[in-house]
């Protein structure tokens, strides 16, 4: 009992009330068909890497494809990256961080496509504007380096009597580049050693703050991509507070691929039983500006989000995040969850690792959707698994 004789006191409970505000965004002019085509080519290339190496990740990289393609090709006026593939580590380029580093096959595929495009244009025209140093570029020959060490690659062609084969001519330029299983800061436009457990995202706030401290041009930005499972880590929570405390504003832009699928389970409804795990509120409650997308695999929505962040008031010093709902195992050629031949699309945690047999039913279904759209035919994929190492290479 209190001194005034009362046996009750008043306390207050607090709760977060979800508040979503719709924003009508004028879609900027951009070549959507071009981005979609390059996205499909990127996805098909990463699947070819997985098929012939029988290793790597599948579902996460395919879910990331629209994010990564839009960032690199939408153009800086639309919120895409400012960078030069020919000089990927230029000090005044935007910083791209594939924080979810196990999804790096999507970037290997895109970097190879871009490197090949420049190389072929240079050889066709002789115009040095298209010349990229092969020591920094990724080329088609580097597909052989996926998840192989540099030591093994030094003699792999000689060991299999392929050193003088015409199709391997690129290897004589500078050898075959080793492509690690996770993103590394030496990889072209990527600026982080990204891996599991959110380790890659932890430095993003510091990079943005550094540019502010150095008085860098306000147009320079950090774009980091990560998934929701990795952002449950402790250093990811510290990252949230650091970015707000450093008042980095729109210089820091995070693209979150939210598909509720991890390695072998769902997050909400499984690891977290209650339906109280609201991703966007976690960030808004820390003080971030949060944009949500109904479909993070839709190029119009992704470009609209990039443009919105680009045009955001620079006086607003809150960092920015896009929470886009994606499909782990996303495939551009799937229709209503089905692939050619009546094959059901593999999505969610079942798509995490590349677990399809070489030249098996699912791979062929993926490849056929690409063949049907672009009028091409992949040679040999219907002849069963390749067992001869030389032929596989």
Protein backbone atom coordinates (compact mmCIF):
# COMPACT_ATOMS: atom_id res chain seq x y z
CA UNK A 1 0.00 0.00 0.00
CA UNK A 2 1.31 3.47 -0.93
CA UNK A 3 1.63 6.32 1.66
CA UNK A 4 -1.60 7.92 0.39
CA UNK A 5 -3.50 4.73 1.09
CA UNK A 6 -4.01 3.62 -2.50
CA UNK A 7 -3.40 -0.04 -3.35
CA UNK A 8 -3.23 0.50 -7.10
CA UNK A 9 -0.88 2.30 -9.41
CA UNK A 10 -1.11 3.13 -13.10
CA UNK A 11 1.29 1.64 -15.63
CA UNK A 12 1.26 1.87 -19.43
CA UNK A 13 1.77 -0.76 -22.09
CA UNK A 14 3.13 0.02 -25.52
CA UNK A 15 2.85 -1.78 -28.83
CA UNK A 16 3.77 -1.18 -32.40
CA UNK A 17 0.84 -0.34 -34.62
CA UNK A 18 1.46 -1.25 -38.27
CA UNK A 19 1.06 1.75 -40.54
CA UNK A 20 1.54 1.34 -44.29
CA UNK A 21 1.24 4.39 -46.51
CA UNK A 22 0.74 3.88 -50.23
CA UNK A 23 2.92 6.04 -52.45
CA UNK A 24 2.20 6.54 -56.14
CA UNK A 25 5.50 6.56 -58.02
CA UNK A 26 5.94 7.73 -61.59
CA UNK A 27 7.85 4.92 -63.27
CA UNK A 28 10.95 6.37 -64.93
CA UNK A 29 11.81 5.70 -68.54
CA UNK A 30 14.00 2.61 -68.77
CA UNK A 31 14.35 -0.36 -71.09
CA UNK A 32 12.43 -2.98 -69.14
CA UNK A 33 12.61 -5.60 -71.88
CA UNK A 34 16.40 -5.28 -71.97
CA UNK A 35 16.67 -5.73 -68.22
CA UNK A 36 14.32 -8.71 -68.28
CA UNK A 37 16.30 -10.33 -71.09
CA UNK A 38 19.62 -9.82 -69.30
CA UNK A 39 18.02 -11.08 -66.10
CA UNK A 40 16.87 -14.27 -67.83
CA UNK A 41 20.31 -14.73 -69.42
CA UNK A 42 21.92 -14.18 -66.01
CA UNK A 43 19.66 -16.76 -64.38
CA UNK A 44 20.30 -19.29 -67.15
CA UNK A 45 24.06 -18.76 -66.88
CA UNK A 46 24.12 -19.34 -63.12
CA UNK A 47 22.06 -22.50 -63.63
CA UNK A 48 24.60 -23.75 -66.18
CA UNK A 49 27.33 -23.17 -63.60
CA UNK A 50 25.40 -25.24 -61.07
CA UNK A 51 24.52 -27.96 -63.56
CA UNK A 52 28.02 -28.75 -64.77
CA UNK A 53 29.82 -28.16 -61.47
CA UNK A 54 27.10 -29.83 -59.36
CA UNK A 55 27.64 -27.38 -56.53
CA UNK A 56 26.66 -23.91 -55.40
CA UNK A 57 23.43 -22.16 -54.50
CA UNK A 58 20.33 -21.85 -56.65
CA UNK A 59 17.23 -20.37 -55.02
CA UNK A 60 18.80 -17.32 -53.42
CA UNK A 61 20.76 -16.20 -56.51
CA UNK A 62 17.71 -16.48 -58.75
CA UNK A 63 15.66 -14.45 -56.25
CA UNK A 64 18.37 -11.76 -56.29
CA UNK A 65 18.54 -11.48 -60.09
CA UNK A 66 16.13 -8.52 -60.60
CA UNK A 67 17.82 -6.60 -57.76
CA UNK A 68 21.34 -7.11 -59.07
CA UNK A 69 20.50 -6.55 -62.75
CA UNK A 70 18.51 -3.38 -62.00
CA UNK A 71 21.26 -2.00 -59.75
CA UNK A 72 23.85 -2.43 -62.50
CA UNK A 73 21.81 -1.50 -65.57
CA UNK A 74 18.93 0.82 -64.59
CA UNK A 75 21.23 3.84 -64.71
CA UNK A 76 22.30 6.26 -61.96
CA UNK A 77 19.54 8.71 -62.89
CA UNK A 78 17.08 5.98 -61.84
CA UNK A 79 18.91 5.08 -58.66
CA UNK A 80 21.16 2.44 -60.20
CA UNK A 81 24.88 2.27 -59.59
CA UNK A 82 27.44 4.73 -60.90
CA UNK A 83 30.41 2.57 -61.86
CA UNK A 84 32.75 1.63 -64.69
CA UNK A 85 33.14 -2.09 -65.43
CA UNK A 86 36.52 -1.27 -66.99
CA UNK A 87 37.69 0.33 -63.72
CA UNK A 88 35.58 -1.45 -61.11
CA UNK A 89 37.53 -0.19 -58.10
CA UNK A 90 37.49 3.47 -59.09
CA UNK A 91 37.53 5.53 -55.85
CA UNK A 92 34.57 7.65 -56.91
CA UNK A 93 32.29 4.82 -57.95
CA UNK A 94 29.25 3.80 -55.92
CA UNK A 95 29.80 0.83 -53.64
CA UNK A 96 27.86 -2.35 -54.32
CA UNK A 97 27.80 -4.92 -51.54
CA UNK A 98 26.59 -8.46 -52.17
CA UNK A 99 26.26 -8.95 -48.44
CA UNK A 100 24.43 -12.25 -48.95
CA UNK A 101 27.65 -13.64 -50.38
CA UNK A 102 26.47 -17.22 -50.92
CA UNK A 103 24.26 -15.78 -53.65
CA UNK A 104 27.32 -14.78 -55.68
CA UNK A 105 26.51 -17.06 -58.66
CA UNK A 106 24.05 -14.40 -59.81
CA UNK A 107 26.88 -11.88 -59.92
CA UNK A 108 29.40 -14.23 -61.53
CA UNK A 109 26.85 -14.79 -64.28
CA UNK A 110 26.12 -11.07 -64.74
CA UNK A 111 29.79 -10.07 -64.64
CA UNK A 112 30.64 -12.74 -67.25
CA UNK A 113 27.83 -11.51 -69.51
CA UNK A 114 28.98 -7.90 -69.17
CA UNK A 115 32.62 -8.83 -69.71
CA UNK A 116 31.78 -10.83 -72.81
CA UNK A 117 29.63 -7.99 -74.17
CA UNK A 118 32.49 -5.50 -73.85
CA UNK A 119 35.08 -7.92 -75.24
CA UNK A 120 33.01 -8.83 -78.28
CA UNK A 121 32.14 -5.19 -78.97
CA UNK A 122 35.81 -4.23 -78.73
CA UNK A 123 36.88 -6.99 -81.10
CA UNK A 124 34.10 -6.11 -83.53
CA UNK A 125 34.77 -2.36 -83.63
CA UNK A 126 38.36 -1.88 -82.49
CA UNK A 127 37.07 0.99 -80.37
CA UNK A 128 39.11 1.16 -77.16
CA UNK A 129 36.16 2.61 -75.28
CA UNK A 130 34.97 -1.00 -75.04
CA UNK A 131 38.30 -2.44 -73.95
CA UNK A 132 38.32 -3.91 -70.45
CA UNK A 133 41.45 -5.34 -68.89
CA UNK A 134 41.04 -9.14 -68.88
CA UNK A 135 42.86 -9.22 -65.55
CA UNK A 136 39.92 -7.48 -63.89
CA UNK A 137 37.08 -8.67 -66.16
CA UNK A 138 35.24 -11.95 -66.00
CA UNK A 139 34.96 -13.87 -69.26
CA UNK A 140 33.27 -17.04 -70.47
CA UNK A 141 36.38 -19.12 -69.75
CA UNK A 142 36.00 -18.27 -66.05
CA UNK A 143 32.91 -20.47 -65.87
CA UNK A 144 35.42 -23.31 -65.47
CA UNK A 145 36.71 -21.61 -62.32
CA UNK A 146 33.44 -21.77 -60.39
CA UNK A 147 34.22 -23.21 -56.95
CA UNK A 148 37.65 -24.41 -58.10
CA UNK A 149 40.90 -23.28 -56.52
CA UNK A 150 43.58 -21.35 -58.36
CA UNK A 151 46.05 -24.20 -57.97
CA UNK A 152 43.85 -26.74 -59.72
CA UNK A 153 43.04 -24.28 -62.48
CA UNK A 154 46.68 -23.75 -63.43
CA UNK A 155 46.93 -27.16 -65.05
CA UNK A 156 43.32 -28.22 -65.58
CA UNK A 157 43.41 -27.73 -69.34
CA UNK A 158 46.77 -29.43 -69.80
CA UNK A 159 45.70 -32.31 -67.57
CA UNK A 160 42.68 -32.90 -69.81
CA UNK A 161 44.38 -32.31 -73.19
CA UNK A 162 42.46 -29.08 -73.78
CA UNK A 163 45.20 -26.45 -73.69
CA UNK A 164 45.21 -26.06 -77.48
CA UNK A 165 41.49 -26.50 -78.05
CA UNK A 166 40.02 -23.47 -79.88
CA UNK A 167 37.15 -23.12 -77.42
CA UNK A 168 39.67 -22.62 -74.61
CA UNK A 169 41.59 -19.82 -76.36
CA UNK A 170 40.61 -17.24 -73.71
CA UNK A 171 42.62 -19.15 -71.12
CA UNK A 172 45.82 -18.14 -72.94
CA UNK A 173 45.11 -14.48 -72.21
CA UNK A 174 45.52 -14.65 -68.43
CA UNK A 175 44.50 -18.12 -67.32
CA UNK A 176 41.22 -19.07 -65.66
CA UNK A 177 39.92 -16.99 -62.79
CA UNK A 178 38.99 -18.84 -59.59
CA UNK A 179 35.43 -18.00 -58.56
CA UNK A 180 34.95 -18.66 -54.86
CA UNK A 181 31.77 -19.99 -53.29
CA UNK A 182 31.09 -16.68 -51.52
CA UNK A 183 31.45 -13.06 -52.60
CA UNK A 184 34.85 -11.42 -52.12
CA UNK A 185 35.85 -7.76 -52.23
CA UNK A 186 38.20 -8.51 -55.14
CA UNK A 187 35.20 -9.31 -57.35
CA UNK A 188 34.64 -6.45 -59.81
CA UNK A 189 31.92 -4.11 -58.54
CA UNK A 190 31.47 -6.00 -55.26
CA UNK A 191 32.94 -4.31 -52.18
CA UNK A 192 32.53 -6.84 -49.39
CA UNK A 193 33.56 -10.33 -48.35
CA UNK A 194 29.98 -11.52 -48.04
CA UNK A 195 28.97 -14.78 -46.46
CA UNK A 196 26.34 -16.25 -44.16
CA UNK A 197 24.97 -14.85 -40.92
CA UNK A 198 24.86 -11.22 -42.02
CA UNK A 199 28.61 -10.79 -41.82
CA UNK A 200 28.68 -8.85 -45.07
CA UNK A 201 26.10 -6.21 -44.13
CA UNK A 202 27.87 -5.20 -40.91
CA UNK A 203 30.31 -2.80 -42.59
CA UNK A 204 27.79 -0.98 -44.80
CA UNK A 205 27.02 1.77 -42.28
CA UNK A 206 30.70 2.46 -41.75
CA UNK A 207 31.32 2.79 -45.48
CA UNK A 208 28.52 5.34 -45.78
CA UNK A 209 29.69 7.25 -42.71
CA UNK A 210 33.26 7.34 -44.04
CA UNK A 211 32.18 9.12 -47.19
CA UNK A 212 30.26 11.66 -45.12
CA UNK A 213 33.30 12.26 -42.92
CA UNK A 214 35.51 12.72 -45.98
CA UNK A 215 33.10 15.21 -47.51
CA UNK A 216 32.37 13.03 -50.53
CA UNK A 217 29.89 14.14 -53.14
CA UNK A 218 26.36 13.48 -51.83
CA UNK A 219 25.51 11.53 -54.99
CA UNK A 220 27.80 8.65 -53.99
CA UNK A 221 25.93 5.79 -52.39
CA UNK A 222 26.19 2.33 -50.88
CA UNK A 223 23.77 -0.34 -52.12
CA UNK A 224 23.80 -3.57 -50.09
CA UNK A 225 21.73 -6.70 -50.74
CA UNK A 226 20.87 -9.28 -48.09
CA UNK A 227 18.19 -11.78 -47.07
CA UNK A 228 16.02 -11.85 -43.97
CA UNK A 229 17.59 -14.87 -42.26
CA UNK A 230 21.05 -13.28 -42.24
CA UNK A 231 19.58 -10.09 -40.78
CA UNK A 232 18.61 -11.88 -37.58
CA UNK A 233 22.28 -11.90 -36.49
CA UNK A 234 23.61 -9.76 -33.66
CA UNK A 235 25.89 -7.60 -35.76
CA UNK A 236 22.97 -6.93 -38.08
CA UNK A 237 21.11 -5.34 -35.17
CA UNK A 238 24.16 -3.26 -34.35
CA UNK A 239 24.31 -2.22 -37.99
CA UNK A 240 20.76 -0.87 -37.74
CA UNK A 241 21.65 1.40 -34.85
CA UNK A 242 25.01 2.46 -36.27
CA UNK A 243 23.48 3.66 -39.52
CA UNK A 244 20.86 5.72 -37.69
CA UNK A 245 23.37 7.11 -35.19
CA UNK A 246 25.75 8.14 -37.96
CA UNK A 247 22.89 9.87 -39.81
CA UNK A 248 24.00 8.51 -43.16
CA UNK A 249 20.68 9.23 -44.86
CA UNK A 250 19.98 7.99 -48.36
CA UNK A 251 23.67 7.45 -48.97
CA UNK A 252 22.99 3.97 -47.52
CA UNK A 253 20.38 1.87 -49.34
CA UNK A 254 19.68 -1.75 -48.40
CA UNK A 255 17.75 -4.11 -50.65
CA UNK A 256 16.23 -6.90 -48.58
CA UNK A 257 15.14 -10.05 -50.38
CA UNK A 258 12.29 -11.31 -48.21
CA UNK A 259 11.02 -14.78 -49.08
CA UNK A 260 10.73 -16.39 -45.63
CA UNK A 261 13.00 -19.25 -46.72
CA UNK A 262 16.33 -20.30 -45.30
CA UNK A 263 18.52 -23.33 -45.84
CA UNK A 264 16.03 -25.89 -44.59
CA UNK A 265 13.10 -24.06 -43.03
CA UNK A 266 10.90 -20.99 -42.95
CA UNK A 267 11.49 -18.12 -40.57
CA UNK A 268 7.98 -16.91 -39.75
CA UNK A 269 5.73 -19.81 -38.82
CA UNK A 270 8.57 -22.22 -38.11
CA UNK A 271 11.73 -20.83 -36.50
CA UNK A 272 9.52 -18.04 -35.13
CA UNK A 273 6.19 -19.67 -34.30
CA UNK A 274 4.12 -16.56 -33.71
CA UNK A 275 3.01 -14.30 -36.52
CA UNK A 276 4.61 -11.31 -34.82
CA UNK A 277 7.83 -11.10 -36.81
CA UNK A 278 7.21 -8.07 -39.01
CA UNK A 279 10.33 -7.26 -40.97
CA UNK A 280 9.43 -3.72 -42.01
CA UNK A 281 8.53 -2.71 -38.45
CA UNK A 282 11.87 -3.93 -37.17
CA UNK A 283 13.57 -1.35 -39.36
CA UNK A 284 11.09 1.49 -39.01
CA UNK A 285 11.19 1.14 -35.22
CA UNK A 286 14.95 1.70 -35.35
CA UNK A 287 14.38 4.91 -37.29
CA UNK A 288 14.96 3.76 -40.87
CA UNK A 289 12.99 4.86 -43.91
CA UNK A 290 11.28 1.68 -45.13
CA UNK A 291 9.90 0.98 -48.60
CA UNK A 292 8.01 -2.27 -49.19
CA UNK A 293 7.39 -4.01 -52.49
CA UNK A 294 4.69 -6.56 -53.20
CA UNK A 295 6.95 -8.23 -55.77
CA UNK A 296 10.71 -7.82 -55.50
CA UNK A 297 11.12 -9.95 -58.63
CA UNK A 298 9.24 -7.40 -60.74
CA UNK A 299 11.55 -5.01 -62.57
CA UNK A 300 9.05 -2.14 -62.61
CA UNK A 301 8.68 -2.29 -58.84
CA UNK A 302 12.42 -2.63 -58.24
CA UNK A 303 13.29 0.31 -60.52
CA UNK A 304 10.51 2.39 -58.94
CA UNK A 305 12.04 1.74 -55.51
CA UNK A 306 15.54 2.64 -56.72
CA UNK A 307 14.20 5.85 -58.28
CA UNK A 308 12.28 6.74 -55.12
CA UNK A 309 15.43 6.45 -53.02
CA UNK A 310 17.42 8.45 -55.56
CA UNK A 311 14.89 11.31 -55.42
CA UNK A 312 14.49 11.20 -51.62
CA UNK A 313 15.06 14.41 -49.68
CA UNK A 314 18.80 14.55 -48.86
CA UNK A 315 17.99 16.51 -45.70
CA UNK A 316 16.34 13.37 -44.30
CA UNK A 317 19.28 11.72 -42.56
CA UNK A 318 17.61 8.37 -41.96
CA UNK A 319 19.07 5.41 -43.89
CA UNK A 320 16.87 3.55 -46.36
CA UNK A 321 15.80 -0.04 -46.86
CA UNK A 322 13.60 -1.73 -49.45
CA UNK A 323 11.80 -4.84 -48.21
CA UNK A 324 10.81 -6.68 -51.35
CA UNK A 325 8.87 -9.92 -51.32
CA UNK A 326 10.81 -12.33 -53.51
CA UNK A 327 10.51 -15.98 -54.48
CA UNK A 328 13.42 -18.18 -53.55
CA UNK A 329 13.83 -20.25 -56.69
CA UNK A 330 12.35 -17.48 -58.88
CA UNK A 331 12.46 -18.34 -62.57
CA UNK A 332 11.53 -15.90 -65.36
CA UNK A 333 10.20 -18.70 -67.60
CA UNK A 334 7.86 -20.23 -65.03
CA UNK A 335 4.13 -19.71 -65.45
CA UNK A 336 1.78 -20.27 -62.53
CA UNK A 337 4.43 -22.35 -60.79
CA UNK A 338 5.00 -24.65 -63.75
CA UNK A 339 7.82 -25.19 -66.24
CA UNK A 340 7.82 -26.81 -69.69
CA UNK A 341 7.01 -30.51 -69.72
CA UNK A 342 4.61 -30.19 -66.79
CA UNK A 343 7.47 -29.83 -64.28
CA UNK A 344 6.54 -28.10 -61.04
CA UNK A 345 8.71 -25.15 -60.07
CA UNK A 346 10.97 -25.72 -57.05
CA UNK A 347 10.79 -22.80 -54.64
CA UNK A 348 11.35 -21.82 -51.00
CA UNK A 349 13.94 -23.66 -48.89
CA UNK A 350 13.81 -26.67 -51.21
CA UNK A 351 15.56 -24.52 -53.82
CA UNK A 352 18.40 -23.38 -51.54
CA UNK A 353 21.26 -25.52 -52.81
CA UNK A 354 21.84 -26.56 -56.38
CA UNK A 355 20.69 -30.12 -55.85
CA UNK A 356 19.41 -31.05 -59.31
CA UNK A 357 21.10 -33.94 -61.14
CA UNK A 358 23.29 -32.98 -64.06
CA UNK A 359 21.16 -32.64 -67.19
CA UNK A 360 18.24 -33.97 -65.17
CA UNK A 361 14.54 -33.29 -65.56
CA UNK A 362 14.45 -30.01 -63.65
CA UNK A 363 17.51 -28.55 -65.35
CA UNK A 364 16.09 -29.45 -68.76
CA UNK A 365 12.77 -27.82 -67.85
CA UNK A 366 14.59 -24.61 -66.89
CA UNK A 367 16.66 -24.73 -70.07
CA UNK A 368 13.62 -25.41 -72.27
CA UNK A 369 11.86 -22.30 -70.98
CA UNK A 370 14.91 -20.31 -72.11
CA UNK A 371 15.10 -22.15 -75.44
CA UNK A 372 11.44 -21.49 -76.18
CA UNK A 373 11.70 -17.77 -75.45
CA UNK A 374 14.86 -17.07 -77.42
CA UNK A 375 14.78 -19.71 -80.14
CA UNK A 376 18.03 -21.42 -79.19
CA UNK A 377 18.98 -25.02 -78.45
CA UNK A 378 21.43 -26.23 -75.83
CA UNK A 379 23.57 -29.00 -77.24
CA UNK A 380 23.93 -32.26 -75.36
CA UNK A 381 21.72 -31.53 -72.38
CA UNK A 382 19.28 -34.29 -73.32
CA UNK A 383 22.00 -36.95 -73.54
CA UNK A 384 22.14 -37.58 -69.79
CA UNK A 385 24.82 -36.71 -67.24
CA UNK A 386 28.32 -36.08 -68.56
CA UNK A 387 30.80 -38.41 -66.86
CA UNK A 388 33.95 -37.70 -68.89
CA UNK A 389 35.86 -34.79 -67.29
CA UNK A 390 37.28 -33.54 -70.59
CA UNK A 391 33.85 -33.46 -72.20
CA UNK A 392 32.35 -31.77 -69.15
CA UNK A 393 34.93 -28.99 -69.33
